[in-house]
Amino acid sequence: MMRRPTLHAVAARAGVSKSSVSRVINGEPTVAPSIRETVLAAVAELGYVPNGAARNLVTQRTNTIAIIVSDPPQGLVSDDPMFAMVVRAASRELERTGFQVSLVLAGSDDSRRRVEQYLAGGHVDGAILVSMDGADPLPASLSRTGLPIVSHGRLATPGLMPWVDNDNQGGATQAVQHLLDQGRRRIATISGPLDMTAAQERLAAYRDTLKDTGRRSIVALGDFTRISGAEAMRQLLDDDPQLDAVFAANDLMAIGALRTLREAGRRVPDDVAVIGFDDIEAARYTAPALTTIRSPMTDQAVRTTQLLLDLLSTGAATPVVLPTELIVRESA
């Protein structure tokens, strides 16, 4: 069996010391260009492949990033098509920049403890947190590890770590203003779970926009799932049969609301206009097609990844808010 070329063999072929070869392989900028070219030529001739474990001992890097997903008790993450989009976009961006990805699920107290131990054990260089609700203790405990960590979405507790989020308040304001511009008089909302920052911000924007017009708020609570949207819509119709518009805090709940309205014999948008938030793929194929607020989820995942890379390279990173866009279709 042919033996694997060694660092010593590369150094001998290039006529330099093993330390010079090591500096070239580890990308250190202090190496003279002529030595770098000679070493790289020797590496190519011998087919040398650096030993990752040995190199990591020198650089104190694992070249691995953890994507940590906290799945709430109602299983929102597993039901939400945005989740796969976020994880896929973040993984591609990390792999493009030379990092491996470790996907970690933290849906119980035991799994959270294992995540803390995993990160504290030096197995990764940094982490991205996804789908954290306000009651989740994991962000606070991980922030004390000193490991570079960023959040996909703004956390309820400010200052724990850098984050990237969509303009939840601006998007919700756009949605409600669109309904007002259509002359809708009794505008209800289906809110998401109020321990999640996005739901809090979208509900606050709905209330503020209506308050400026003198209209009253009509609110039902959901949990960002289709079934909760359908149930909330039934509650709204029972509480106020004359309502003529509803803003759902995400598309899944809006889709559930459309089903309830159809079953109740209410025409959309003639009797009741419906607007969602997110612009998931299914929004284009509902009947009628769903008017919604487009939030750039892929861009958000990429920017979150870039924020972590900034934190790794410079030790500093600033929170980012991405703009949203009203997408007008048939439902409103």
C-alpha atoms as a PDB file:
ATOM      1  CA  MET A   1       0.000   0.000   0.000  1.00  0.00           C
ATOM      2  CA  MET A   2       1.352   3.422  -0.938  1.00  0.00           C
ATOM      3  CA  ARG A   3       2.154   5.523   2.130  1.00  0.00           C
ATOM      4  CA  ARG A   4       0.462   8.874   2.555  1.00  0.00           C
ATOM      5  CA  PRO A   5       2.864  11.813   1.913  1.00  0.00           C
ATOM      6  CA  THR A   6       3.956  13.500   5.144  1.00  0.00           C
ATOM      7  CA  LEU A   7       4.677  17.073   6.144  1.00  0.00           C
ATOM      8  CA  HIS A   8       8.351  16.098   6.367  1.00  0.00           C
ATOM      9  CA  ALA A   9       8.289  14.854   2.758  1.00  0.00           C
ATOM     10  CA  VAL A  10       6.776  18.139   1.545  1.00  0.00           C
ATOM     11  CA  ALA A  11       9.417  20.113   3.446  1.00  0.00           C
ATOM     12  CA  ALA A  12      12.214  17.983   1.917  1.00  0.00           C
ATOM     13  CA  ARG A  13      10.802  18.372  -1.613  1.00  0.00           C
ATOM     14  CA  ALA A  14      10.430  22.157  -1.201  1.00  0.00           C
ATOM     15  CA  GLY A  15      13.782  22.569   0.536  1.00  0.00           C
ATOM     16  CA  VAL A  16      12.272  24.449   3.497  1.00  0.00           C
ATOM     17  CA  SER A  17      11.599  23.700   7.144  1.00  0.00           C
ATOM     18  CA  LYS A  18       8.511  21.823   8.356  1.00  0.00           C
ATOM     19  CA  SER A  19       7.411  24.975  10.201  1.00  0.00           C
ATOM     20  CA  SER A  20       7.412  26.911   6.911  1.00  0.00           C
ATOM     21  CA  VAL A  21       5.245  24.220   5.296  1.00  0.00           C
ATOM     22  CA  SER A  22       2.879  24.340   8.275  1.00  0.00           C
ATOM     23  CA  ARG A  23       2.529  28.136   8.001  1.00  0.00           C
ATOM     24  CA  VAL A  24       1.711  27.897   4.289  1.00  0.00           C
ATOM     25  CA  ILE A  25      -0.892  25.165   4.810  1.00  0.00           C
ATOM     26  CA  ASN A  26      -2.521  27.103   7.643  1.00  0.00           C
ATOM     27  CA  GLY A  27      -2.755  30.226   5.484  1.00  0.00           C
ATOM     28  CA  GLU A  28      -0.544  32.457   7.594  1.00  0.00           C
ATOM     29  CA  PRO A  29       0.120  35.782   5.809  1.00  0.00           C
ATOM     30  CA  THR A  30       3.725  36.159   7.029  1.00  0.00           C
ATOM     31  CA  VAL A  31       5.168  33.643   4.569  1.00  0.00           C
ATOM     32  CA  ALA A  32       7.176  35.065   1.673  1.00  0.00           C
ATOM     33  CA  PRO A  33       5.448  34.630  -1.722  1.00  0.00           C
ATOM     34  CA  SER A  34       8.385  32.689  -3.182  1.00  0.00           C
ATOM     35  CA  ILE A  35       8.348  30.169  -0.312  1.00  0.00           C
ATOM     36  CA  ARG A  36       4.563  29.870  -0.547  1.00  0.00           C
ATOM     37  CA  GLU A  37       4.766  29.052  -4.283  1.00  0.00           C
ATOM     38  CA  THR A  38       7.530  26.481  -3.719  1.00  0.00           C
ATOM     39  CA  VAL A  39       5.612  24.751  -0.908  1.00  0.00           C
ATOM     40  CA  LEU A  40       2.343  24.679  -2.848  1.00  0.00           C
ATOM     41  CA  ALA A  41       4.141  23.174  -5.836  1.00  0.00           C
ATOM     42  CA  ALA A  42       5.574  20.437  -3.601  1.00  0.00           C
ATOM     43  CA  VAL A  43       2.128  19.779  -2.112  1.00  0.00           C
ATOM     44  CA  ALA A  44       0.685  19.367  -5.604  1.00  0.00           C
ATOM     45  CA  GLU A  45       3.512  17.094  -6.800  1.00  0.00           C
ATOM     46  CA  LEU A  46       3.276  14.764  -3.799  1.00  0.00           C
ATOM     47  CA  GLY A  47      -0.504  14.846  -3.479  1.00  0.00           C
ATOM     48  CA  TYR A  48      -0.165  15.847   0.169  1.00  0.00           C
ATOM     49  CA  VAL A  49      -3.429  16.145   2.130  1.00  0.00           C
ATOM     50  CA  PRO A  50      -3.171  18.001   5.471  1.00  0.00           C
ATOM     51  CA  ASN A  51      -4.161  16.034   8.539  1.00  0.00           C
ATOM     52  CA  GLY A  52      -7.219  17.935   9.753  1.00  0.00           C
ATOM     53  CA  ALA A  53      -6.993  16.774  13.343  1.00  0.00           C
ATOM     54  CA  ALA A  54      -3.339  17.747  13.640  1.00  0.00           C
ATOM     55  CA  ARG A  55      -3.962  21.110  11.990  1.00  0.00           C
ATOM     56  CA  ASN A  56      -6.827  21.802  14.368  1.00  0.00           C
ATOM     57  CA  LEU A  57      -4.518  21.237  17.323  1.00  0.00           C
ATOM     58  CA  VAL A  58      -2.315  24.014  15.969  1.00  0.00           C
ATOM     59  CA  THR A  59      -5.016  26.463  14.926  1.00  0.00           C
ATOM     60  CA  GLN A  60      -7.426  25.699  17.805  1.00  0.00           C
ATOM     61  CA  ARG A  61     -10.205  25.542  15.195  1.00  0.00           C
ATOM     62  CA  THR A  62     -12.581  22.716  14.329  1.00  0.00           C
ATOM     63  CA  ASN A  63     -13.891  24.266  11.080  1.00  0.00           C
ATOM     64  CA  THR A  64     -17.370  23.210  12.228  1.00  0.00           C
ATOM     65  CA  ILE A  65     -20.404  25.389  12.958  1.00  0.00           C
ATOM     66  CA  ALA A  66     -23.449  24.149  14.850  1.00  0.00           C
ATOM     67  CA  ILE A  67     -26.940  25.104  13.669  1.00  0.00           C
ATOM     68  CA  ILE A  68     -29.056  24.695  16.779  1.00  0.00           C
ATOM     69  CA  VAL A  69     -32.811  24.410  16.359  1.00  0.00           C
ATOM     70  CA  SER A  70     -35.044  24.694  19.386  1.00  0.00           C
ATOM     71  CA  ASP A  71     -38.296  22.901  18.524  1.00  0.00           C
ATOM     72  CA  PRO A  72     -41.170  24.283  20.642  1.00  0.00           C
ATOM     73  CA  PRO A  73     -43.564  21.841  22.331  1.00  0.00           C
ATOM     74  CA  GLN A  74     -46.222  22.277  19.619  1.00  0.00           C
ATOM     75  CA  GLY A  75     -43.727  21.093  16.995  1.00  0.00           C
ATOM     76  CA  LEU A  76     -43.753  24.360  15.055  1.00  0.00           C
ATOM     77  CA  VAL A  77     -40.337  23.785  13.498  1.00  0.00           C
ATOM     78  CA  SER A  78     -41.247  20.406  12.028  1.00  0.00           C
ATOM     79  CA  ASP A  79     -44.466  21.853  10.545  1.00  0.00           C
ATOM     80  CA  ASP A  80     -43.019  25.054   9.132  1.00  0.00           C
ATOM     81  CA  PRO A  81     -41.663  24.947   5.547  1.00  0.00           C
ATOM     82  CA  MET A  82     -39.521  27.982   6.347  1.00  0.00           C
ATOM     83  CA  PHE A  83     -37.394  25.846   8.663  1.00  0.00           C
ATOM     84  CA  ALA A  84     -35.955  23.686   5.876  1.00  0.00           C
ATOM     85  CA  MET A  85     -35.287  26.794   3.780  1.00  0.00           C
ATOM     86  CA  VAL A  86     -33.371  28.467   6.620  1.00  0.00           C
ATOM     87  CA  VAL A  87     -31.248  25.425   7.459  1.00  0.00           C
ATOM     88  CA  ARG A  88     -30.489  24.716   3.784  1.00  0.00           C
ATOM     89  CA  ALA A  89     -29.466  28.324   3.026  1.00  0.00           C
ATOM     90  CA  ALA A  90     -27.285  28.631   6.139  1.00  0.00           C
ATOM     91  CA  SER A  91     -25.641  25.255   5.495  1.00  0.00           C
ATOM     92  CA  ARG A  92     -24.807  26.127   1.890  1.00  0.00           C
ATOM     93  CA  GLU A  93     -23.270  29.436   2.902  1.00  0.00           C
ATOM     94  CA  LEU A  94     -21.159  27.810   5.623  1.00  0.00           C
ATOM     95  CA  GLU A  95     -19.990  25.020   3.335  1.00  0.00           C
ATOM     96  CA  ARG A  96     -19.141  27.573   0.644  1.00  0.00           C
ATOM     97  CA  THR A  97     -16.776  29.259   3.105  1.00  0.00           C
ATOM     98  CA  GLY A  98     -15.096  25.993   4.114  1.00  0.00           C
ATOM     99  CA  PHE A  99     -17.005  25.062   7.269  1.00  0.00           C
ATOM    100  CA  GLN A 100     -18.682  21.792   8.101  1.00  0.00           C
ATOM    101  CA  VAL A 101     -22.194  21.953   9.564  1.00  0.00           C
ATOM    102  CA  SER A 102     -23.476  20.150  12.620  1.00  0.00           C
ATOM    103  CA  LEU A 103     -27.284  20.245  12.931  1.00  0.00           C
ATOM    104  CA  VAL A 104     -28.373  20.031  16.568  1.00  0.00           C
ATOM    105  CA  LEU A 105     -31.971  19.762  17.817  1.00  0.00           C
ATOM    106  CA  ALA A 106     -32.830  21.016  21.291  1.00  0.00           C
ATOM    107  CA  GLY A 107     -36.472  20.319  22.075  1.00  0.00           C
ATOM    108  CA  SER A 108     -36.311  19.137  25.685  1.00  0.00           C
ATOM    109  CA  ASP A 109     -34.475  19.935  28.915  1.00  0.00           C
ATOM    110  CA  ASP A 110     -32.204  16.905  28.462  1.00  0.00           C
ATOM    111  CA  SER A 111     -31.336  17.790  24.882  1.00  0.00           C
ATOM    112  CA  ARG A 112     -30.615  21.390  25.890  1.00  0.00           C
ATOM    113  CA  ARG A 113     -28.162  20.192  28.518  1.00  0.00           C
ATOM    114  CA  ARG A 114     -26.465  18.019  25.912  1.00  0.00           C
ATOM    115  CA  VAL A 115     -26.225  20.985  23.558  1.00  0.00           C
ATOM    116  CA  GLU A 116     -24.578  23.081  26.277  1.00  0.00           C
ATOM    117  CA  GLN A 117     -22.066  20.297  26.964  1.00  0.00           C
ATOM    118  CA  TYR A 118     -21.408  19.826  23.244  1.00  0.00           C
ATOM    119  CA  LEU A 119     -20.634  23.499  22.663  1.00  0.00           C
ATOM    120  CA  ALA A 120     -18.622  23.842  25.865  1.00  0.00           C
ATOM    121  CA  GLY A 121     -16.570  20.799  24.843  1.00  0.00           C
ATOM    122  CA  GLY A 122     -14.871  22.648  22.000  1.00  0.00           C
ATOM    123  CA  HIS A 123     -16.452  20.616  19.208  1.00  0.00           C
ATOM    124  CA  VAL A 124     -17.448  23.674  17.139  1.00  0.00           C
ATOM    125  CA  ASP A 125     -16.063  27.131  16.381  1.00  0.00           C
ATOM    126  CA  GLY A 126     -19.430  28.884  16.669  1.00  0.00           C
ATOM    127  CA  ALA A 127     -23.178  28.414  16.477  1.00  0.00           C
ATOM    128  CA  ILE A 128     -26.365  29.752  14.891  1.00  0.00           C
ATOM    129  CA  LEU A 129     -29.567  29.589  16.936  1.00  0.00           C
ATOM    130  CA  VAL A 130     -32.859  29.095  15.066  1.00  0.00           C
ATOM    131  CA  SER A 131     -36.478  29.267  16.303  1.00  0.00           C
ATOM    132  CA  MET A 132     -35.965  30.502  19.836  1.00  0.00           C
ATOM    133  CA  ASP A 133     -39.054  31.524  21.788  1.00  0.00           C
ATOM    134  CA  GLY A 134     -38.973  33.966  24.663  1.00  0.00           C
ATOM    135  CA  ALA A 135     -39.213  31.316  27.377  1.00  0.00           C
ATOM    136  CA  ASP A 136     -36.311  29.243  26.037  1.00  0.00           C
ATOM    137  CA  PRO A 137     -33.400  29.229  28.548  1.00  0.00           C
ATOM    138  CA  LEU A 138     -30.867  28.032  25.972  1.00  0.00           C
ATOM    139  CA  PRO A 139     -29.784  31.415  24.521  1.00  0.00           C
ATOM    140  CA  ALA A 140     -28.893  32.786  27.961  1.00  0.00           C
ATOM    141  CA  SER A 141     -26.973  29.680  29.011  1.00  0.00           C
ATOM    142  CA  LEU A 142     -25.066  29.461  25.723  1.00  0.00           C
ATOM    143  CA  SER A 143     -24.227  33.160  25.761  1.00  0.00           C
ATOM    144  CA  ARG A 144     -22.187  32.498  28.917  1.00  0.00           C
ATOM    145  CA  THR A 145     -19.936  29.977  27.165  1.00  0.00           C
ATOM    146  CA  GLY A 146     -17.976  32.710  25.401  1.00  0.00           C
ATOM    147  CA  LEU A 147     -18.371  30.884  22.079  1.00  0.00           C
ATOM    148  CA  PRO A 148     -19.248  33.071  19.056  1.00  0.00           C
ATOM    149  CA  ILE A 149     -23.030  32.651  18.632  1.00  0.00           C
ATOM    150  CA  VAL A 150     -25.616  34.541  16.587  1.00  0.00           C
ATOM    151  CA  SER A 151     -29.394  34.244  16.415  1.00  0.00           C
ATOM    152  CA  HIS A 152     -31.603  33.800  13.361  1.00  0.00           C
ATOM    153  CA  GLY A 153     -34.304  36.157  14.643  1.00  0.00           C
ATOM    154  CA  ARG A 154     -34.244  38.725  17.422  1.00  0.00           C
ATOM    155  CA  LEU A 155     -34.295  37.272  20.909  1.00  0.00           C
ATOM    156  CA  ALA A 156     -36.674  38.444  23.623  1.00  0.00           C
ATOM    157  CA  THR A 157     -33.752  39.302  25.908  1.00  0.00           C
ATOM    158  CA  PRO A 158     -31.697  42.103  24.346  1.00  0.00           C
ATOM    159  CA  GLY A 159     -27.924  42.031  24.308  1.00  0.00           C
ATOM    160  CA  LEU A 160     -27.397  38.271  24.601  1.00  0.00           C
ATOM    161  CA  MET A 161     -25.905  37.918  21.121  1.00  0.00           C
ATOM    162  CA  PRO A 162     -26.015  39.505  17.638  1.00  0.00           C
ATOM    163  CA  TRP A 163     -29.030  38.664  15.467  1.00  0.00           C
ATOM    164  CA  VAL A 164     -30.602  39.080  12.025  1.00  0.00           C
ATOM    165  CA  ASP A 165     -34.344  39.555  11.676  1.00  0.00           C
ATOM    166  CA  ASN A 166     -36.977  40.793   9.262  1.00  0.00           C
ATOM    167  CA  ASP A 167     -38.778  44.080   9.750  1.00  0.00           C
ATOM    168  CA  ASN A 168     -41.740  42.518  11.530  1.00  0.00           C
ATOM    169  CA  GLN A 169     -43.285  45.811  12.548  1.00  0.00           C
ATOM    170  CA  GLY A 170     -42.838  47.411   9.144  1.00  0.00           C
ATOM    171  CA  GLY A 171     -44.283  44.393   7.355  1.00  0.00           C
ATOM    172  CA  ALA A 172     -47.330  44.174   9.633  1.00  0.00           C
ATOM    173  CA  THR A 173     -47.934  47.894   9.185  1.00  0.00           C
ATOM    174  CA  GLN A 174     -47.853  47.425   5.400  1.00  0.00           C
ATOM    175  CA  ALA A 175     -50.409  44.621   5.659  1.00  0.00           C
ATOM    176  CA  VAL A 176     -52.887  46.507   7.821  1.00  0.00           C
ATOM    177  CA  GLN A 177     -52.481  49.716   5.837  1.00  0.00           C
ATOM    178  CA  HIS A 178     -53.248  47.798   2.638  1.00  0.00           C
ATOM    179  CA  LEU A 179     -56.526  46.627   4.174  1.00  0.00           C
ATOM    180  CA  LEU A 180     -57.350  50.150   5.312  1.00  0.00           C
ATOM    181  CA  ASP A 181     -56.623  51.508   1.843  1.00  0.00           C
ATOM    182  CA  GLN A 182     -59.177  49.033   0.474  1.00  0.00           C
ATOM    183  CA  GLY A 183     -61.805  50.537   2.751  1.00  0.00           C
ATOM    184  CA  ARG A 184     -62.028  47.619   5.167  1.00  0.00           C
ATOM    185  CA  ARG A 185     -63.723  48.675   8.392  1.00  0.00           C
ATOM    186  CA  ARG A 186     -63.523  45.724  10.809  1.00  0.00           C
ATOM    187  CA  ILE A 187     -60.010  44.345  10.577  1.00  0.00           C
ATOM    188  CA  ALA A 188     -59.087  41.420  12.831  1.00  0.00           C
ATOM    189  CA  THR A 189     -55.729  39.721  13.402  1.00  0.00           C
ATOM    190  CA  ILE A 190     -54.612  36.188  14.207  1.00  0.00           C
ATOM    191  CA  SER A 191     -51.515  36.576  16.337  1.00  0.00           C
ATOM    192  CA  GLY A 192     -48.703  34.105  16.804  1.00  0.00           C
ATOM    193  CA  PRO A 193     -47.589  32.878  20.256  1.00  0.00           C
ATOM    194  CA  LEU A 194     -46.804  35.914  22.358  1.00  0.00           C
ATOM    195  CA  ASP A 195     -43.587  34.479  23.810  1.00  0.00           C
ATOM    196  CA  MET A 196     -42.046  34.876  20.341  1.00  0.00           C
ATOM    197  CA  THR A 197     -40.602  38.258  19.410  1.00  0.00           C
ATOM    198  CA  ALA A 198     -41.889  38.173  15.827  1.00  0.00           C
ATOM    199  CA  ALA A 199     -45.466  37.643  17.043  1.00  0.00           C
ATOM    200  CA  GLN A 200     -45.140  40.437  19.592  1.00  0.00           C
ATOM    201  CA  GLU A 201     -43.870  42.905  17.007  1.00  0.00           C
ATOM    202  CA  ARG A 202     -46.489  42.035  14.381  1.00  0.00           C
ATOM    203  CA  LEU A 203     -49.320  42.342  16.910  1.00  0.00           C
ATOM    204  CA  ALA A 204     -47.996  45.664  18.205  1.00  0.00           C
ATOM    205  CA  ALA A 205     -47.823  47.049  14.652  1.00  0.00           C
ATOM    206  CA  TYR A 206     -51.382  45.881  13.925  1.00  0.00           C
ATOM    207  CA  ARG A 207     -52.690  47.636  17.041  1.00  0.00           C
ATOM    208  CA  ASP A 208     -50.713  50.825  16.450  1.00  0.00           C
ATOM    209  CA  THR A 209     -51.872  51.117  12.845  1.00  0.00           C
ATOM    210  CA  LEU A 210     -55.536  50.664  13.766  1.00  0.00           C
ATOM    211  CA  LYS A 211     -55.265  52.990  16.745  1.00  0.00           C
ATOM    212  CA  ASP A 212     -54.271  55.849  14.476  1.00  0.00           C
ATOM    213  CA  THR A 213     -57.587  55.422  12.618  1.00  0.00           C
ATOM    214  CA  GLY A 214     -59.802  55.063  15.664  1.00  0.00           C
ATOM    215  CA  ARG A 215     -60.739  51.466  14.838  1.00  0.00           C
ATOM    216  CA  ARG A 216     -60.780  48.835  17.579  1.00  0.00           C
ATOM    217  CA  SER A 217     -58.513  45.797  17.679  1.00  0.00           C
ATOM    218  CA  ILE A 218     -60.052  42.355  17.175  1.00  0.00           C
ATOM    219  CA  VAL A 219     -57.517  39.693  18.211  1.00  0.00           C
ATOM    220  CA  ALA A 220     -57.426  35.895  18.297  1.00  0.00           C
ATOM    221  CA  LEU A 221     -54.341  33.932  19.320  1.00  0.00           C
ATOM    222  CA  GLY A 222     -52.741  31.206  17.214  1.00  0.00           C
ATOM    223  CA  ASP A 223     -49.440  29.326  17.356  1.00  0.00           C
ATOM    224  CA  PHE A 224     -48.183  29.787  13.766  1.00  0.00           C
ATOM    225  CA  THR A 225     -49.769  26.477  12.585  1.00  0.00           C
ATOM    226  CA  ARG A 226     -52.556  25.902  10.037  1.00  0.00           C
ATOM    227  CA  ILE A 227     -54.920  24.338  12.560  1.00  0.00           C
ATOM    228  CA  SER A 228     -54.545  27.244  14.969  1.00  0.00           C
ATOM    229  CA  GLY A 229     -55.333  29.668  12.131  1.00  0.00           C
ATOM    230  CA  ALA A 230     -58.507  27.747  11.296  1.00  0.00           C
ATOM    231  CA  GLU A 231     -59.604  27.661  14.941  1.00  0.00           C
ATOM    232  CA  ALA A 232     -58.801  31.338  15.490  1.00  0.00           C
ATOM    233  CA  MET A 233     -60.815  32.276  12.401  1.00  0.00           C
ATOM    234  CA  ARG A 234     -63.844  30.416  13.769  1.00  0.00           C
ATOM    235  CA  GLN A 235     -63.470  32.310  17.041  1.00  0.00           C
ATOM    236  CA  LEU A 236     -63.253  35.651  15.222  1.00  0.00           C
ATOM    237  CA  LEU A 237     -66.392  34.950  13.203  1.00  0.00           C
ATOM    238  CA  ASP A 238     -68.264  33.997  16.386  1.00  0.00           C
ATOM    239  CA  ASP A 239     -67.077  37.120  18.218  1.00  0.00           C
ATOM    240  CA  ASP A 240     -67.661  39.562  15.346  1.00  0.00           C
ATOM    241  CA  PRO A 241     -69.724  38.211  12.421  1.00  0.00           C
ATOM    242  CA  GLN A 242     -69.398  41.555  10.627  1.00  0.00           C
ATOM    243  CA  LEU A 243     -65.604  41.573  10.314  1.00  0.00           C
ATOM    244  CA  ASP A 244     -64.450  42.155   6.754  1.00  0.00           C
ATOM    245  CA  ALA A 245     -60.676  41.578   6.904  1.00  0.00           C
ATOM    246  CA  VAL A 246     -58.081  39.563   8.794  1.00  0.00           C
ATOM    247  CA  PHE A 247     -54.311  39.874   9.021  1.00  0.00           C
ATOM    248  CA  ALA A 248     -52.712  36.572  10.025  1.00  0.00           C
ATOM    249  CA  ALA A 249     -49.231  36.798  11.531  1.00  0.00           C
ATOM    250  CA  ASN A 250     -47.929  34.080   9.214  1.00  0.00           C
ATOM    251  CA  ASP A 251     -48.993  32.303   6.029  1.00  0.00           C
ATOM    252  CA  LEU A 252     -49.741  28.953   7.650  1.00  0.00           C
ATOM    253  CA  MET A 253     -52.366  30.550   9.894  1.00  0.00           C
ATOM    254  CA  ALA A 254     -53.728  32.537   6.935  1.00  0.00           C
ATOM    255  CA  ILE A 255     -54.161  29.282   4.988  1.00  0.00           C
ATOM    256  CA  GLY A 256     -56.051  27.810   7.931  1.00  0.00           C
ATOM    257  CA  ALA A 257     -58.221  30.942   8.056  1.00  0.00           C
ATOM    258  CA  LEU A 258     -59.056  30.598   4.349  1.00  0.00           C
ATOM    259  CA  ARG A 259     -60.379  27.107   4.950  1.00  0.00           C
ATOM    260  CA  THR A 260     -62.626  28.247   7.815  1.00  0.00           C
ATOM    261  CA  LEU A 261     -63.977  31.140   5.747  1.00  0.00           C
ATOM    262  CA  ARG A 262     -64.737  28.791   2.872  1.00  0.00           C
ATOM    263  CA  GLU A 263     -66.559  26.382   5.211  1.00  0.00           C
ATOM    264  CA  ALA A 264     -68.514  29.311   6.683  1.00  0.00           C
ATOM    265  CA  GLY A 265     -69.644  30.418   3.223  1.00  0.00           C
ATOM    266  CA  ARG A 266     -67.665  33.675   3.335  1.00  0.00           C
ATOM    267  CA  ARG A 267     -66.221  34.785   0.004  1.00  0.00           C
ATOM    268  CA  VAL A 268     -62.608  35.922  -0.096  1.00  0.00           C
ATOM    269  CA  PRO A 269     -61.951  38.756  -0.709  1.00  0.00           C
ATOM    270  CA  ASP A 270     -65.535  39.947  -1.386  1.00  0.00           C
ATOM    271  CA  ASP A 271     -66.772  39.326   2.159  1.00  0.00           C
ATOM    272  CA  VAL A 272     -63.508  38.994   4.063  1.00  0.00           C
ATOM    273  CA  ALA A 273     -60.028  39.961   2.864  1.00  0.00           C
ATOM    274  CA  VAL A 274     -57.090  37.889   4.120  1.00  0.00           C
ATOM    275  CA  ILE A 275     -53.393  38.771   4.342  1.00  0.00           C
ATOM    276  CA  GLY A 276     -50.577  36.548   5.641  1.00  0.00           C
ATOM    277  CA  PHE A 277     -46.893  37.047   6.431  1.00  0.00           C
ATOM    278  CA  ASP A 278     -43.787  35.220   5.067  1.00  0.00           C
ATOM    279  CA  ASP A 279     -44.692  34.403   1.444  1.00  0.00           C
ATOM    280  CA  ILE A 280     -44.095  30.671   1.643  1.00  0.00           C
ATOM    281  CA  GLU A 281     -44.419  28.782  -1.640  1.00  0.00           C
ATOM    282  CA  ALA A 282     -47.916  27.521  -0.782  1.00  0.00           C
ATOM    283  CA  ALA A 283     -49.200  31.120  -0.642  1.00  0.00           C
ATOM    284  CA  ARG A 284     -49.192  31.225  -4.446  1.00  0.00           C
ATOM    285  CA  TYR A 285     -51.374  28.133  -4.751  1.00  0.00           C
ATOM    286  CA  THR A 286     -54.186  28.770  -2.279  1.00  0.00           C
ATOM    287  CA  ALA A 287     -57.677  29.503  -3.580  1.00  0.00           C
ATOM    288  CA  PRO A 288     -57.699  32.436  -3.876  1.00  0.00           C
ATOM    289  CA  ALA A 289     -53.947  33.102  -4.034  1.00  0.00           C
ATOM    290  CA  LEU A 290     -52.772  34.650  -0.779  1.00  0.00           C
ATOM    291  CA  THR A 291     -51.780  38.294  -0.448  1.00  0.00           C
ATOM    292  CA  THR A 292     -48.902  38.364   2.006  1.00  0.00           C
ATOM    293  CA  ILE A 293     -45.797  40.094   3.322  1.00  0.00           C
ATOM    294  CA  ARG A 294     -42.640  38.678   1.786  1.00  0.00           C
ATOM    295  CA  SER A 295     -39.883  38.225   4.331  1.00  0.00           C
ATOM    296  CA  PRO A 296     -36.509  37.372   2.760  1.00  0.00           C
ATOM    297  CA  MET A 297     -35.926  34.130   4.665  1.00  0.00           C
ATOM    298  CA  THR A 298     -33.101  32.867   2.471  1.00  0.00           C
ATOM    299  CA  ASP A 299     -31.374  36.249   2.658  1.00  0.00           C
ATOM    300  CA  GLN A 300     -31.913  36.266   6.411  1.00  0.00           C
ATOM    301  CA  ALA A 301     -30.244  32.866   6.769  1.00  0.00           C
ATOM    302  CA  VAL A 302     -27.296  33.938   4.604  1.00  0.00           C
ATOM    303  CA  ARG A 303     -26.903  37.225   6.478  1.00  0.00           C
ATOM    304  CA  THR A 304     -27.056  35.377   9.802  1.00  0.00           C
ATOM    305  CA  THR A 305     -24.256  33.117   8.608  1.00  0.00           C
ATOM    306  CA  GLN A 306     -22.207  36.091   7.452  1.00  0.00           C
ATOM    307  CA  LEU A 307     -22.785  37.765  10.813  1.00  0.00           C
ATOM    308  CA  LEU A 308     -21.290  34.736  12.557  1.00  0.00           C
ATOM    309  CA  LEU A 309     -18.314  34.752  10.203  1.00  0.00           C
ATOM    310  CA  ASP A 310     -17.784  38.446  11.047  1.00  0.00           C
ATOM    311  CA  LEU A 311     -17.906  37.571  14.733  1.00  0.00           C
ATOM    312  CA  LEU A 312     -15.376  34.786  14.239  1.00  0.00           C
ATOM    313  CA  SER A 313     -12.945  36.973  12.302  1.00  0.00           C
ATOM    314  CA  THR A 314     -13.235  40.303  14.134  1.00  0.00           C
ATOM    315  CA  GLY A 315     -14.871  39.529  17.461  1.00  0.00           C
ATOM    316  CA  ALA A 316     -17.664  42.023  16.753  1.00  0.00           C
ATOM    317  CA  ALA A 317     -20.993  41.976  14.932  1.00  0.00           C
ATOM    318  CA  THR A 318     -23.981  44.336  14.725  1.00  0.00           C
ATOM    319  CA  PRO A 319     -27.648  43.243  14.601  1.00  0.00           C
ATOM    320  CA  VAL A 320     -29.313  43.474  11.172  1.00  0.00           C
ATOM    321  CA  VAL A 321     -32.946  44.212  10.207  1.00  0.00           C
ATOM    322  CA  LEU A 322     -33.986  43.223   6.673  1.00  0.00           C
ATOM    323  CA  PRO A 323     -36.832  44.956   4.796  1.00  0.00           C
ATOM    324  CA  THR A 324     -40.100  43.231   3.912  1.00  0.00           C
ATOM    325  CA  GLU A 325     -42.372  43.630   0.856  1.00  0.00           C
ATOM    326  CA  LEU A 326     -46.139  43.547   0.330  1.00  0.00           C
ATOM    327  CA  ILE A 327     -47.086  40.935  -2.298  1.00  0.00           C
ATOM    328  CA  VAL A 328     -50.592  41.596  -3.598  1.00  0.00           C
ATOM    329  CA  ARG A 329     -52.495  38.575  -4.906  1.00  0.00           C
ATOM    330  CA  GLU A 330     -56.195  37.675  -4.973  1.00  0.00           C
ATOM    331  CA  SER A 331     -57.124  37.331  -1.288  1.00  0.00           C
ATOM    332  CA  ALA A 332     -56.863  41.039  -0.450  1.00  0.00           C
END
